[in-house]
Each structure stands twice: as C-alpha cells, then as structure tokens.
Amino acid sequence: METYTAMRHFADSWGLLAMTLFFVGVVLFTFRPGGKTPADDAASIPLKED
C-alpha cells in the first residue's frame, strides 16, 4: 500500500473521528455553565483603558 493511500484511509476514518470529538469538546467547553463571566471579561479587554 502506498503512503498516500494509507494516510488517506487513516484520515477518512480515525482522523474524522478525532476532529469530530475535538469539535464537540470545544462546543461543550464554550457553553459550560460557569463560562459566561470569564468570556465577558476576556471580551472587554480591548475596551479597557490603561
């Protein structure tokens, strides 16, 4: 089996699963119950004056 074919087969199966799990983890982390206050603080950083 050629290297390209092996990598393509891996990306089609396990790579897709890994990217899906990463995406679900990011979404869950973003919408967790205690995340609003830190997100609001980070969003207001550019508007704060020194």
PDB file of N, CA and C in Angstrom:
ATOM      1  N   MET A   1       0.850  -1.182   0.000  1.00  0.00           N
ATOM      2  CA  MET A   1       0.000   0.000   0.000  1.00  0.00           C
ATOM      3  C   MET A   1       0.894   1.242   0.000  1.00  0.00           C
ATOM      4  N   GLU A   2       0.531   2.175  -0.821  1.00  0.00           N
ATOM      5  CA  GLU A   2       1.310   3.397  -0.900  1.00  0.00           C
ATOM      6  C   GLU A   2       1.092   4.257   0.336  1.00  0.00           C
ATOM      7  N   THR A   3       2.011   5.144   0.584  1.00  0.00           N
ATOM      8  CA  THR A   3       1.917   6.025   1.745  1.00  0.00           C
ATOM      9  C   THR A   3       0.700   6.927   1.653  1.00  0.00           C
ATOM     10  N   TYR A   4       0.445   7.488   0.459  1.00  0.00           N
ATOM     11  CA  TYR A   4      -0.704   8.373   0.285  1.00  0.00           C
ATOM     12  C   TYR A   4      -2.011   7.639   0.563  1.00  0.00           C
ATOM     13  N   THR A   5      -2.130   6.437   0.062  1.00  0.00           N
ATOM     14  CA  THR A   5      -3.357   5.664   0.261  1.00  0.00           C
ATOM     15  C   THR A   5      -3.559   5.333   1.732  1.00  0.00           C
ATOM     16  N   ALA A   6      -2.492   4.982   2.426  1.00  0.00           N
ATOM     17  CA  ALA A   6      -2.587   4.669   3.846  1.00  0.00           C
ATOM     18  C   ALA A   6      -2.989   5.895   4.650  1.00  0.00           C
ATOM     19  N   MET A   7      -2.375   7.036   4.353  1.00  0.00           N
ATOM     20  CA  MET A   7      -2.725   8.263   5.076  1.00  0.00           C
ATOM     21  C   MET A   7      -4.147   8.702   4.763  1.00  0.00           C
ATOM     22  N   ARG A   8      -4.577   8.524   3.530  1.00  0.00           N
ATOM     23  CA  ARG A   8      -5.935   8.891   3.139  1.00  0.00           C
ATOM     24  C   ARG A   8      -6.950   8.015   3.868  1.00  0.00           C
ATOM     25  N   HIS A   9      -6.675   6.734   3.972  1.00  0.00           N
ATOM     26  CA  HIS A   9      -7.565   5.820   4.681  1.00  0.00           C
ATOM     27  C   HIS A   9      -7.642   6.181   6.164  1.00  0.00           C
ATOM     28  N   PHE A  10      -6.501   6.526   6.769  1.00  0.00           N
ATOM     29  CA  PHE A  10      -6.478   6.928   8.175  1.00  0.00           C
ATOM     30  C   PHE A  10      -7.274   8.211   8.387  1.00  0.00           C
ATOM     31  N   ALA A  11      -7.096   9.189   7.502  1.00  0.00           N
ATOM     32  CA  ALA A  11      -7.802  10.463   7.636  1.00  0.00           C
ATOM     33  C   ALA A  11      -9.298  10.284   7.452  1.00  0.00           C
ATOM     34  N   ASP A  12      -9.705   9.386   6.582  1.00  0.00           N
ATOM     35  CA  ASP A  12     -11.128   9.149   6.347  1.00  0.00           C
ATOM     36  C   ASP A  12     -11.802   8.470   7.526  1.00  0.00           C
ATOM     37  N   SER A  13     -11.059   7.732   8.326  1.00  0.00           N
ATOM     38  CA  SER A  13     -11.680   7.004   9.430  1.00  0.00           C
ATOM     39  C   SER A  13     -11.363   7.648  10.779  1.00  0.00           C
ATOM     40  N   TRP A  14     -10.151   7.474  11.273  1.00  0.00           N
ATOM     41  CA  TRP A  14      -9.805   7.949  12.610  1.00  0.00           C
ATOM     42  C   TRP A  14      -9.603   9.455  12.662  1.00  0.00           C
ATOM     43  N   GLY A  15      -9.133  10.037  11.591  1.00  0.00           N
ATOM     44  CA  GLY A  15      -8.951  11.487  11.557  1.00  0.00           C
ATOM     45  C   GLY A  15     -10.268  12.222  11.675  1.00  0.00           C
ATOM     46  N   LEU A  16     -11.279  11.722  10.975  1.00  0.00           N
ATOM     47  CA  LEU A  16     -12.608  12.323  11.055  1.00  0.00           C
ATOM     48  C   LEU A  16     -13.179  12.185  12.462  1.00  0.00           C
ATOM     49  N   LEU A  17     -12.982  11.049  13.077  1.00  0.00           N
ATOM     50  CA  LEU A  17     -13.460  10.842  14.443  1.00  0.00           C
ATOM     51  C   LEU A  17     -12.752  11.787  15.416  1.00  0.00           C
ATOM     52  N   ALA A  18     -11.454  11.957  15.265  1.00  0.00           N
ATOM     53  CA  ALA A  18     -10.699  12.843  16.151  1.00  0.00           C
ATOM     54  C   ALA A  18     -11.154  14.293  15.993  1.00  0.00           C
ATOM     55  N   MET A  19     -11.363  14.750  14.759  1.00  0.00           N
ATOM     56  CA  MET A  19     -11.817  16.123  14.539  1.00  0.00           C
ATOM     57  C   MET A  19     -13.222  16.344  15.087  1.00  0.00           C
ATOM     58  N   THR A  20     -14.083  15.335  14.963  1.00  0.00           N
ATOM     59  CA  THR A  20     -15.440  15.444  15.496  1.00  0.00           C
ATOM     60  C   THR A  20     -15.421  15.538  17.018  1.00  0.00           C
ATOM     61  N   LEU A  21     -14.621  14.711  17.658  1.00  0.00           N
ATOM     62  CA  LEU A  21     -14.519  14.757  19.112  1.00  0.00           C
ATOM     63  C   LEU A  21     -13.926  16.080  19.591  1.00  0.00           C
ATOM     64  N   PHE A  22     -12.948  16.612  18.871  1.00  0.00           N
ATOM     65  CA  PHE A  22     -12.370  17.907  19.214  1.00  0.00           C
ATOM     66  C   PHE A  22     -13.429  19.000  19.098  1.00  0.00           C
ATOM     67  N   PHE A  23     -14.211  18.990  18.027  1.00  0.00           N
ATOM     68  CA  PHE A  23     -15.257  19.989  17.827  1.00  0.00           C
ATOM     69  C   PHE A  23     -16.298  19.927  18.936  1.00  0.00           C
ATOM     70  N   VAL A  24     -16.740  18.731  19.294  1.00  0.00           N
ATOM     71  CA  VAL A  24     -17.731  18.580  20.364  1.00  0.00           C
ATOM     72  C   VAL A  24     -17.145  19.070  21.688  1.00  0.00           C
ATOM     73  N   GLY A  25     -15.871  18.786  21.948  1.00  0.00           N
ATOM     74  CA  GLY A  25     -15.231  19.259  23.169  1.00  0.00           C
ATOM     75  C   GLY A  25     -15.160  20.773  23.234  1.00  0.00           C
ATOM     76  N   VAL A  26     -14.840  21.420  22.123  1.00  0.00           N
ATOM     77  CA  VAL A  26     -14.776  22.882  22.094  1.00  0.00           C
ATOM     78  C   VAL A  26     -16.158  23.484  22.331  1.00  0.00           C
ATOM     79  N   VAL A  27     -17.177  22.905  21.717  1.00  0.00           N
ATOM     80  CA  VAL A  27     -18.542  23.416  21.902  1.00  0.00           C
ATOM     81  C   VAL A  27     -18.983  23.251  23.349  1.00  0.00           C
ATOM     82  N   LEU A  28     -18.725  22.097  23.935  1.00  0.00           N
ATOM     83  CA  LEU A  28     -19.101  21.882  25.332  1.00  0.00           C
ATOM     84  C   LEU A  28     -18.331  22.809  26.267  1.00  0.00           C
ATOM     85  N   PHE A  29     -17.058  23.034  25.988  1.00  0.00           N
ATOM     86  CA  PHE A  29     -16.261  23.945  26.815  1.00  0.00           C
ATOM     87  C   PHE A  29     -16.783  25.373  26.708  1.00  0.00           C
ATOM     88  N   THR A  30     -17.192  25.780  25.520  1.00  0.00           N
ATOM     89  CA  THR A  30     -17.672  27.141  25.306  1.00  0.00           C
ATOM     90  C   THR A  30     -18.989  27.388  26.024  1.00  0.00           C
ATOM     91  N   PHE A  31     -19.885  26.422  26.014  1.00  0.00           N
ATOM     92  CA  PHE A  31     -21.211  26.607  26.588  1.00  0.00           C
ATOM     93  C   PHE A  31     -21.359  25.999  27.977  1.00  0.00           C
ATOM     94  N   ARG A  32     -20.248  25.810  28.689  1.00  0.00           N
ATOM     95  CA  ARG A  32     -20.333  25.265  30.047  1.00  0.00           C
ATOM     96  C   ARG A  32     -20.997  26.292  30.963  1.00  0.00           C
ATOM     97  N   PRO A  33     -21.610  25.851  32.056  1.00  0.00           N
ATOM     98  CA  PRO A  33     -22.374  26.771  32.913  1.00  0.00           C
ATOM     99  C   PRO A  33     -21.555  27.914  33.506  1.00  0.00           C
ATOM    100  N   GLY A  34     -20.320  27.710  33.883  1.00  0.00           N
ATOM    101  CA  GLY A  34     -19.562  28.765  34.544  1.00  0.00           C
ATOM    102  C   GLY A  34     -18.705  29.592  33.615  1.00  0.00           C
ATOM    103  N   GLY A  35     -18.953  29.546  32.330  1.00  0.00           N
ATOM    104  CA  GLY A  35     -18.072  30.203  31.386  1.00  0.00           C
ATOM    105  C   GLY A  35     -18.452  31.606  30.978  1.00  0.00           C
ATOM    106  N   LYS A  36     -19.588  32.103  31.408  1.00  0.00           N
ATOM    107  CA  LYS A  36     -20.039  33.418  30.950  1.00  0.00           C
ATOM    108  C   LYS A  36     -19.185  34.554  31.511  1.00  0.00           C
ATOM    109  N   THR A  37     -18.891  34.520  32.782  1.00  0.00           N
ATOM    110  CA  THR A  37     -18.119  35.606  33.391  1.00  0.00           C
ATOM    111  C   THR A  37     -16.705  35.712  32.809  1.00  0.00           C
ATOM    112  N   PRO A  38     -15.940  34.623  32.701  1.00  0.00           N
ATOM    113  CA  PRO A  38     -14.608  34.751  32.091  1.00  0.00           C
ATOM    114  C   PRO A  38     -14.671  35.183  30.624  1.00  0.00           C
ATOM    115  N   ALA A  39     -15.684  34.736  29.899  1.00  0.00           N
ATOM    116  CA  ALA A  39     -15.809  35.130  28.495  1.00  0.00           C
ATOM    117  C   ALA A  39     -16.129  36.612  28.382  1.00  0.00           C
ATOM    118  N   ASP A  40     -16.987  37.117  29.257  1.00  0.00           N
ATOM    119  CA  ASP A  40     -17.301  38.546  29.239  1.00  0.00           C
ATOM    120  C   ASP A  40     -16.084  39.384  29.617  1.00  0.00           C
ATOM    121  N   ASP A  41     -15.310  38.914  30.583  1.00  0.00           N
ATOM    122  CA  ASP A  41     -14.082  39.624  30.971  1.00  0.00           C
ATOM    123  C   ASP A  41     -13.079  39.660  29.816  1.00  0.00           C
ATOM    124  N   ALA A  42     -12.925  38.548  29.130  1.00  0.00           N
ATOM    125  CA  ALA A  42     -11.979  38.494  28.005  1.00  0.00           C
ATOM    126  C   ALA A  42     -12.477  39.350  26.835  1.00  0.00           C
ATOM    127  N   ALA A  43     -13.782  39.410  26.636  1.00  0.00           N
ATOM    128  CA  ALA A  43     -14.321  40.191  25.532  1.00  0.00           C
ATOM    129  C   ALA A  43     -14.155  41.696  25.764  1.00  0.00           C
ATOM    130  N   SER A  44     -14.080  42.113  27.006  1.00  0.00           N
ATOM    131  CA  SER A  44     -13.987  43.547  27.289  1.00  0.00           C
ATOM    132  C   SER A  44     -12.538  44.056  27.401  1.00  0.00           C
ATOM    133  N   ILE A  45     -11.553  43.187  27.234  1.00  0.00           N
ATOM    134  CA  ILE A  45     -10.153  43.594  27.356  1.00  0.00           C
ATOM    135  C   ILE A  45      -9.791  44.709  26.368  1.00  0.00           C
ATOM    136  N   PRO A  46     -10.167  44.619  25.081  1.00  0.00           N
ATOM    137  CA  PRO A  46      -9.774  45.708  24.164  1.00  0.00           C
ATOM    138  C   PRO A  46     -10.413  47.053  24.500  1.00  0.00           C
ATOM    139  N   LEU A  47     -11.495  47.064  25.248  1.00  0.00           N
ATOM    140  CA  LEU A  47     -12.184  48.308  25.555  1.00  0.00           C
ATOM    141  C   LEU A  47     -11.686  48.972  26.836  1.00  0.00           C
ATOM    142  N   LYS A  48     -10.874  48.266  27.600  1.00  0.00           N
ATOM    143  CA  LYS A  48     -10.369  48.840  28.850  1.00  0.00           C
ATOM    144  C   LYS A  48      -9.268  49.831  28.555  1.00  0.00           C
ATOM    145  N   GLU A  49      -9.259  50.911  29.306  1.00  0.00           N
ATOM    146  CA  GLU A  49      -8.194  51.904  29.155  1.00  0.00           C
ATOM    147  C   GLU A  49      -7.118  51.641  30.200  1.00  0.00           C
ATOM    148  N   ASP A  50      -5.901  51.906  29.820  1.00  0.00           N
ATOM    149  CA  ASP A  50      -4.780  51.694  30.754  1.00  0.00           C
ATOM    150  C   ASP A  50      -4.721  52.770  31.802  1.00  0.00           C
TER     151      ASP A  50
END
